[in-house]
Amino acid sequence: MINFIICEDEQELLREYKNQIDKFMMKYDTEYKCHTFTCYDKHWDYEIKKIKGFKIYLLDIKTDTGSGINAARKIREEYDDWVSMIIMISGYAEYKYEALGKRLMLVDFINKLDHSEKKLQDALLICIKNYDNKYNTLKYTYRNIAYNVEYRSIIKIEKEMDSKRCIIHTEEDDYPIQGTLNDVLKKLDKRFFKCNRAIAINIEQVQYYNLSKNVAVLKNGEEFNEISRSRKKEMFNRVRGVY
C-alpha cells in the first residue's frame, strides 16, 4: 500500500495534485490511497501518525497554519521517519535553497509556476522506484488462497519437515508456500540468505551477528544460531553489507 499524503491550502490545487496522482498510478498495479489536508495542525499530526505503510508526502511549503519545511523536519527528526519520500511544492521559489539546505532528504522542490505537472510526474517516478526497491512483495497462491507478503516483513523461510512446502515466518504471522527452499528463494531478492539446507534468513532483520559465537540476534530479539559452519564467513559479510 502506498499512501500519498497531500497538504495544500488551495482546494483547486489539492484536487489537481490528487488527479495527477490518480493519472500516474494508472500505470501501476499497486494499491494506493490519497490522504488530503489543508493545514499543519494537531489533526495533521494525529492522522499521519496513524497511517501505516509506504508514505509519499506532497507538502505545500507555506500555509496559514504552518510551514512545510517544519512539517518535513518533524517527519524526519521527531517521528524518526527517514524512509518516507517528501516532495516540497511552492509558489515561492526563494524557499528552494532553504528547503534543500535543511538536510531533510527531499525528493524534489517543485515550483508551482514552472511546469509543475511534468516535474511532479518525474518526482513520483523516483518515489515509485524507491517503493519497488524497498517494498517488493511475494505474490503466490496456495490451496486457493492468494498471498501478498512484503519482503521486508519476512523474518525467515523454513523448509517444513517431511513436506513439499516451506513456511514463511513474518512479523505478523506464518504462511505456507509450495516448493523447496531453493524454489522460494528464486522468487525473492538478495536480502535473503540461505543459512543451511532448511532455513533462509532476511539479512535486513538481523540486528547484529557474532561471528565467533555464530549467533545472529534479530530485530525482534530472537537469537538465531542455525548458520552452517561453511556459511559463517558469508553471513558475516552479508550483515556487514559486503557481497
Protein backbone atom coordinates (compact mmCIF):
# COMPACT_ATOMS: atom_id res chain seq x y z
CA MET A 1 0.00 0.00 0.00
CA ILE A 2 1.29 3.43 -0.99
CA ASN A 3 -0.07 6.37 0.98
CA PHE A 4 0.03 9.75 -0.74
CA ILE A 5 -0.24 12.49 1.89
CA ILE A 6 -1.01 15.90 0.40
CA CYS A 7 -1.09 19.16 2.32
CA GLU A 8 -2.18 22.14 0.23
CA ASP A 9 -4.32 25.05 1.41
CA GLU A 10 -5.71 25.87 -2.05
CA GLN A 11 -8.58 23.47 -2.75
CA GLU A 12 -8.22 23.69 -6.52
CA LEU A 13 -4.55 22.72 -6.36
CA LEU A 14 -5.33 20.00 -3.84
CA ARG A 15 -7.76 18.41 -6.31
CA GLU A 16 -5.27 18.86 -9.15
CA TYR A 17 -2.47 17.05 -7.27
CA LYS A 18 -4.83 14.19 -6.45
CA ASN A 19 -5.87 13.95 -10.11
CA GLN A 20 -2.22 13.89 -11.18
CA ILE A 21 -1.51 11.07 -8.72
CA ASP A 22 -4.51 9.09 -9.99
CA LYS A 23 -3.28 9.58 -13.56
CA PHE A 24 0.24 8.49 -12.62
CA MET A 25 -0.86 5.40 -10.67
CA MET A 26 -2.98 4.12 -13.57
CA LYS A 27 0.29 2.73 -14.98
CA TYR A 28 0.93 0.56 -11.91
CA ASP A 29 -0.81 -2.43 -10.39
CA THR A 30 -0.28 -1.16 -6.87
CA GLU A 31 -2.81 -0.37 -4.17
CA TYR A 32 -2.72 3.25 -3.04
CA LYS A 33 -4.70 5.86 -1.14
CA CYS A 34 -4.64 9.66 -1.07
CA HIS A 35 -4.93 11.49 2.26
CA THR A 36 -5.61 15.22 1.88
CA PHE A 37 -5.07 18.07 4.32
CA THR A 38 -5.25 21.85 4.08
CA CYS A 39 -3.07 22.78 7.06
CA TYR A 40 -0.43 21.58 9.50
CA ASP A 41 -2.35 21.37 12.77
CA LYS A 42 -2.99 18.84 15.56
CA HIS A 43 -5.33 16.91 13.28
CA TRP A 44 -2.50 16.61 10.72
CA ASP A 45 -0.09 15.31 13.40
CA TYR A 46 -2.64 12.83 14.73
CA GLU A 47 -3.66 11.45 11.36
CA ILE A 48 -0.23 10.95 9.77
CA LYS A 49 0.93 9.00 12.83
CA LYS A 50 -1.91 6.53 12.21
CA ILE A 51 -1.11 5.95 8.56
CA LYS A 52 0.83 2.73 8.04
CA GLY A 53 2.86 1.62 5.04
CA PHE A 54 4.94 3.48 2.48
CA LYS A 55 4.32 7.23 2.50
CA ILE A 56 4.84 9.85 -0.18
CA TYR A 57 4.33 13.42 1.06
CA LEU A 58 3.42 16.39 -1.16
CA LEU A 59 3.90 19.37 1.13
CA ASP A 60 2.94 22.97 0.48
CA ILE A 61 5.84 24.99 1.83
CA LYS A 62 3.72 27.84 3.18
CA THR A 63 0.20 27.76 4.65
CA ASP A 64 -1.65 29.99 7.09
CA THR A 65 -1.13 27.43 9.86
CA GLY A 66 2.43 26.31 9.36
CA SER A 67 5.41 25.56 7.20
CA GLY A 68 6.06 22.54 5.01
CA ILE A 69 9.73 22.77 5.99
CA ASN A 70 8.80 22.44 9.67
CA ALA A 71 6.44 19.58 8.84
CA ALA A 72 9.22 17.77 6.97
CA ARG A 73 11.63 18.35 9.85
CA LYS A 74 9.10 16.84 12.25
CA ILE A 75 8.62 13.81 9.99
CA ARG A 76 12.36 13.18 9.84
CA GLU A 77 13.54 14.15 13.32
CA GLU A 78 10.59 13.85 15.70
CA TYR A 79 8.95 10.81 14.09
CA ASP A 80 12.36 9.40 13.06
CA ASP A 81 10.98 8.61 9.61
CA TRP A 82 13.80 8.61 7.07
CA VAL A 83 12.09 6.16 4.72
CA SER A 84 9.09 8.16 3.52
CA MET A 85 9.51 10.27 0.39
CA ILE A 86 8.92 14.03 0.63
CA ILE A 87 8.19 16.35 -2.29
CA MET A 88 8.04 20.05 -1.48
CA ILE A 89 5.74 22.22 -3.62
CA SER A 90 5.62 26.01 -3.52
CA GLY A 91 4.91 29.13 -5.47
CA TYR A 92 7.73 30.83 -3.56
CA ALA A 93 10.93 29.99 -5.43
CA GLU A 94 13.02 31.82 -2.82
CA TYR A 95 12.36 28.98 -0.34
CA LYS A 96 14.04 26.38 -2.55
CA TYR A 97 17.57 26.65 -1.18
CA GLU A 98 16.34 26.88 2.40
CA ALA A 99 14.30 23.69 1.94
CA LEU A 100 17.07 21.76 0.20
CA GLY A 101 19.66 23.01 2.67
CA LYS A 102 17.92 21.56 5.72
CA ARG A 103 19.18 18.01 5.01
CA LEU A 104 15.66 16.63 5.07
CA MET A 105 16.29 14.22 2.18
CA LEU A 106 13.71 15.79 -0.13
CA VAL A 107 12.93 14.09 -3.43
CA ASP A 108 12.42 17.46 -5.11
CA PHE A 109 11.39 21.08 -4.69
CA ILE A 110 8.75 21.92 -7.28
CA ASN A 111 7.80 25.45 -8.24
CA LYS A 112 4.04 25.63 -8.81
CA LEU A 113 4.59 28.16 -11.57
CA ASP A 114 7.26 26.28 -13.53
CA HIS A 115 5.98 23.19 -15.44
CA SER A 116 4.84 21.70 -12.14
CA GLU A 117 2.82 18.84 -13.66
CA LYS A 118 5.77 17.40 -15.59
CA LYS A 119 8.11 17.83 -12.62
CA LEU A 120 5.62 16.20 -10.27
CA GLN A 121 5.32 13.19 -12.59
CA ASP A 122 9.13 12.91 -12.64
CA ALA A 123 9.30 13.12 -8.84
CA LEU A 124 6.57 10.49 -8.45
CA LEU A 125 8.55 8.19 -10.73
CA ILE A 126 11.54 8.46 -8.37
CA CYS A 127 9.25 7.63 -5.45
CA ILE A 128 7.72 4.58 -7.12
CA LYS A 129 11.18 3.22 -7.98
CA ASN A 130 12.14 3.60 -4.34
CA TYR A 131 8.96 1.79 -3.33
CA ASP A 132 9.70 -1.07 -5.72
CA ASN A 133 13.17 -1.48 -4.26
CA LYS A 134 12.11 -1.42 -0.61
CA TYR A 135 8.59 -2.78 -0.64
CA ASN A 136 8.63 -5.65 -3.10
CA THR A 137 6.04 -8.30 -2.39
CA LEU A 138 5.92 -12.06 -2.83
CA LYS A 139 2.68 -12.87 -4.62
CA TYR A 140 1.60 -16.52 -4.82
CA THR A 141 -1.35 -18.86 -4.45
CA TYR A 142 -1.55 -21.86 -2.14
CA ARG A 143 -4.63 -24.07 -1.80
CA ASN A 144 -6.89 -21.49 -3.41
CA ILE A 145 -5.70 -18.68 -1.16
CA ALA A 146 -3.86 -15.73 -2.73
CA TYR A 147 -0.98 -14.36 -0.65
CA ASN A 148 0.74 -10.97 -0.92
CA VAL A 149 3.67 -10.87 1.54
CA GLU A 150 6.04 -7.89 1.74
CA TYR A 151 9.69 -8.93 1.54
CA ARG A 152 10.64 -6.59 4.37
CA SER A 153 8.19 -8.28 6.79
CA ILE A 154 9.69 -11.73 6.23
CA ILE A 155 11.99 -12.83 9.07
CA LYS A 156 12.94 -16.26 7.76
CA ILE A 157 11.78 -19.06 5.47
CA GLU A 158 11.90 -22.62 6.74
CA LYS A 159 11.58 -25.91 4.88
CA GLU A 160 8.88 -27.97 6.55
CA MET A 161 10.00 -31.42 7.63
CA ASP A 162 8.72 -34.35 5.52
CA SER A 163 6.78 -31.99 3.29
CA LYS A 164 6.95 -30.37 -0.14
CA ARG A 165 6.33 -26.91 1.20
CA CYS A 166 8.04 -24.15 3.21
CA ILE A 167 6.79 -21.85 5.96
CA ILE A 168 7.31 -18.10 5.63
CA HIS A 169 7.73 -16.52 9.07
CA THR A 170 6.83 -12.83 9.21
CA GLU A 171 6.44 -10.20 11.90
CA GLU A 172 2.69 -10.76 11.96
CA ASP A 173 2.06 -14.42 11.06
CA ASP A 174 3.32 -17.56 9.33
CA TYR A 175 2.34 -18.53 5.78
CA PRO A 176 2.72 -21.82 3.87
CA ILE A 177 4.14 -21.85 0.35
CA GLN A 178 4.54 -24.74 -2.06
CA GLY A 179 8.05 -25.78 -3.14
CA THR A 180 11.56 -26.34 -1.87
CA LEU A 181 13.60 -23.67 -0.13
CA ASN A 182 15.56 -23.07 -3.33
CA ASP A 183 12.28 -22.69 -5.26
CA VAL A 184 11.11 -19.98 -2.85
CA LEU A 185 14.46 -18.17 -2.86
CA LYS A 186 14.31 -17.87 -6.66
CA LYS A 187 11.21 -15.68 -6.20
CA LEU A 188 12.98 -13.33 -3.76
CA ASP A 189 15.93 -10.92 -3.88
CA LYS A 190 19.46 -10.75 -2.49
CA ARG A 191 18.40 -9.70 1.01
CA PHE A 192 17.57 -13.37 1.71
CA PHE A 193 20.48 -15.59 2.75
CA LYS A 194 20.40 -19.39 2.87
CA CYS A 195 21.91 -20.25 6.26
CA ASN A 196 21.64 -24.03 5.87
CA ARG A 197 19.73 -26.58 3.82
CA ALA A 198 16.46 -25.87 5.59
CA ILE A 199 16.44 -22.18 6.55
CA ALA A 200 16.97 -18.81 4.84
CA ILE A 201 17.00 -15.53 6.75
CA ASN A 202 16.25 -11.94 5.81
CA ILE A 203 19.53 -10.10 6.39
CA GLU A 204 17.60 -6.85 6.93
CA GLN A 205 16.02 -8.46 10.00
CA VAL A 206 19.43 -9.06 11.62
CA GLN A 207 20.41 -6.59 14.36
CA TYR A 208 23.94 -8.00 14.63
CA TYR A 209 25.90 -11.19 14.05
CA ASN A 210 28.61 -12.55 16.37
CA LEU A 211 30.99 -14.49 14.14
CA SER A 212 32.95 -16.17 16.95
CA LYS A 213 29.77 -17.45 18.64
CA ASN A 214 27.96 -17.97 15.33
CA VAL A 215 24.87 -16.26 16.71
CA ALA A 216 22.69 -13.71 14.96
CA VAL A 217 20.39 -11.51 17.02
CA LEU A 218 17.30 -10.47 15.10
CA LYS A 219 15.50 -7.16 15.44
CA ASN A 220 12.64 -8.90 17.26
CA GLY A 221 15.11 -10.07 19.93
CA GLU A 222 15.27 -13.66 18.75
CA GLU A 223 18.66 -15.37 18.76
CA PHE A 224 19.42 -17.38 15.64
CA ASN A 225 22.31 -19.88 15.70
CA GLU A 226 21.49 -22.17 12.80
CA ILE A 227 24.10 -20.89 10.36
CA SER A 228 26.15 -23.75 8.93
CA ARG A 229 29.90 -23.50 9.50
CA SER A 230 30.60 -23.32 5.79
CA ARG A 231 28.43 -20.20 5.55
CA LYS A 232 29.60 -18.30 8.65
CA LYS A 233 32.03 -16.04 6.80
CA GLU A 234 29.50 -15.22 4.11
CA MET A 235 26.87 -14.49 6.76
CA PHE A 236 29.32 -12.11 8.46
CA ASN A 237 29.99 -10.28 5.20
CA ARG A 238 26.32 -10.08 4.29
CA VAL A 239 25.44 -8.45 7.60
CA ARG A 240 28.34 -6.01 7.07
CA GLY A 241 26.94 -5.18 3.63
CA VAL A 242 29.83 -6.80 1.75
CA TYR A 243 28.72 -9.09 -1.08
